[in-house]
């Protein structure tokens, strides 16, 4: 197994486990807090919005590290 394959495997596992933990800690309690189906759909949509915002912040932080890495080190 090459180093690149190991990197892809670790990244894929981190993504899957991160999404599973997000669903377990954010989406499931939010869904169980409401009874009506429309409220539950709204909670899922808003949770996906929060997930997209968190992913966006992570991408921006990662891009900042990539751009500034040569200057710092």
Protein backbone atom coordinates (compact mmCIF):
# COMPACT_ATOMS: atom_id res chain seq x y z
CA UNK A 1 0.00 0.00 0.00
CA UNK A 2 1.50 3.32 -1.06
CA UNK A 3 1.69 6.46 1.06
CA UNK A 4 -0.86 8.15 -1.19
CA UNK A 5 -3.32 5.28 -0.72
CA UNK A 6 -2.88 5.48 3.06
CA UNK A 7 -3.54 9.23 2.95
CA UNK A 8 -6.73 8.70 0.94
CA UNK A 9 -7.86 5.96 3.31
CA UNK A 10 -7.28 8.11 6.39
CA UNK A 11 -9.09 11.05 4.75
CA UNK A 12 -12.05 8.90 3.75
CA UNK A 13 -12.32 7.35 7.21
CA UNK A 14 -12.11 10.78 8.85
CA UNK A 15 -14.89 12.06 6.60
CA UNK A 16 -17.16 9.09 7.23
CA UNK A 17 -16.58 9.07 10.99
CA UNK A 18 -16.95 12.86 11.18
CA UNK A 19 -20.27 12.76 9.34
CA UNK A 20 -21.48 9.89 11.54
CA UNK A 21 -20.55 11.76 14.72
CA UNK A 22 -22.23 14.94 13.43
CA UNK A 23 -25.41 13.01 12.74
CA UNK A 24 -25.25 11.28 16.10
CA UNK A 25 -24.58 14.41 18.16
CA UNK A 26 -26.52 17.06 16.21
CA UNK A 27 -29.14 15.64 13.86
CA UNK A 28 -30.60 12.82 15.97
CA UNK A 29 -31.26 14.94 19.09
CA UNK A 30 -32.69 17.72 16.93
CA UNK A 31 -35.06 15.33 15.16
CA UNK A 32 -36.24 13.72 18.39
CA UNK A 33 -36.99 17.15 19.89
CA UNK A 34 -39.90 17.72 17.50
CA UNK A 35 -43.00 15.66 16.74
CA UNK A 36 -44.47 17.09 13.54
CA UNK A 37 -42.94 15.90 10.25
CA UNK A 38 -42.58 19.42 8.86
CA UNK A 39 -40.61 20.52 11.91
CA UNK A 40 -38.36 17.49 11.59
CA UNK A 41 -37.69 18.26 7.92
CA UNK A 42 -36.88 21.86 8.83
CA UNK A 43 -34.47 20.68 11.53
CA UNK A 44 -32.66 18.42 9.07
CA UNK A 45 -32.36 21.24 6.53
CA UNK A 46 -31.00 23.62 9.15
CA UNK A 47 -28.59 20.96 10.40
CA UNK A 48 -27.30 20.51 6.85
CA UNK A 49 -26.86 24.29 6.67
CA UNK A 50 -24.76 24.17 9.86
CA UNK A 51 -22.74 21.25 8.46
CA UNK A 52 -22.09 23.20 5.24
CA UNK A 53 -20.95 26.21 7.26
CA UNK A 54 -18.57 24.06 9.31
CA UNK A 55 -17.15 22.44 6.18
CA UNK A 56 -16.72 25.88 4.62
CA UNK A 57 -14.81 27.14 7.65
CA UNK A 58 -12.62 24.04 7.51
CA UNK A 59 -11.87 24.54 3.83
CA UNK A 60 -10.97 28.20 4.38
CA UNK A 61 -8.73 27.32 7.35
CA UNK A 62 -7.05 24.56 5.34
CA UNK A 63 -6.47 26.88 2.39
CA UNK A 64 -4.97 29.47 4.74
CA UNK A 65 -2.56 26.89 6.14
CA UNK A 66 -1.54 25.76 2.65
CA UNK A 67 -0.95 29.33 1.48
CA UNK A 68 0.89 30.53 4.60
CA UNK A 69 2.93 27.38 5.28
CA UNK A 70 6.01 28.37 3.26
CA UNK A 71 6.15 31.82 4.86
CA UNK A 72 5.95 30.48 8.42
CA UNK A 73 8.27 27.51 7.98
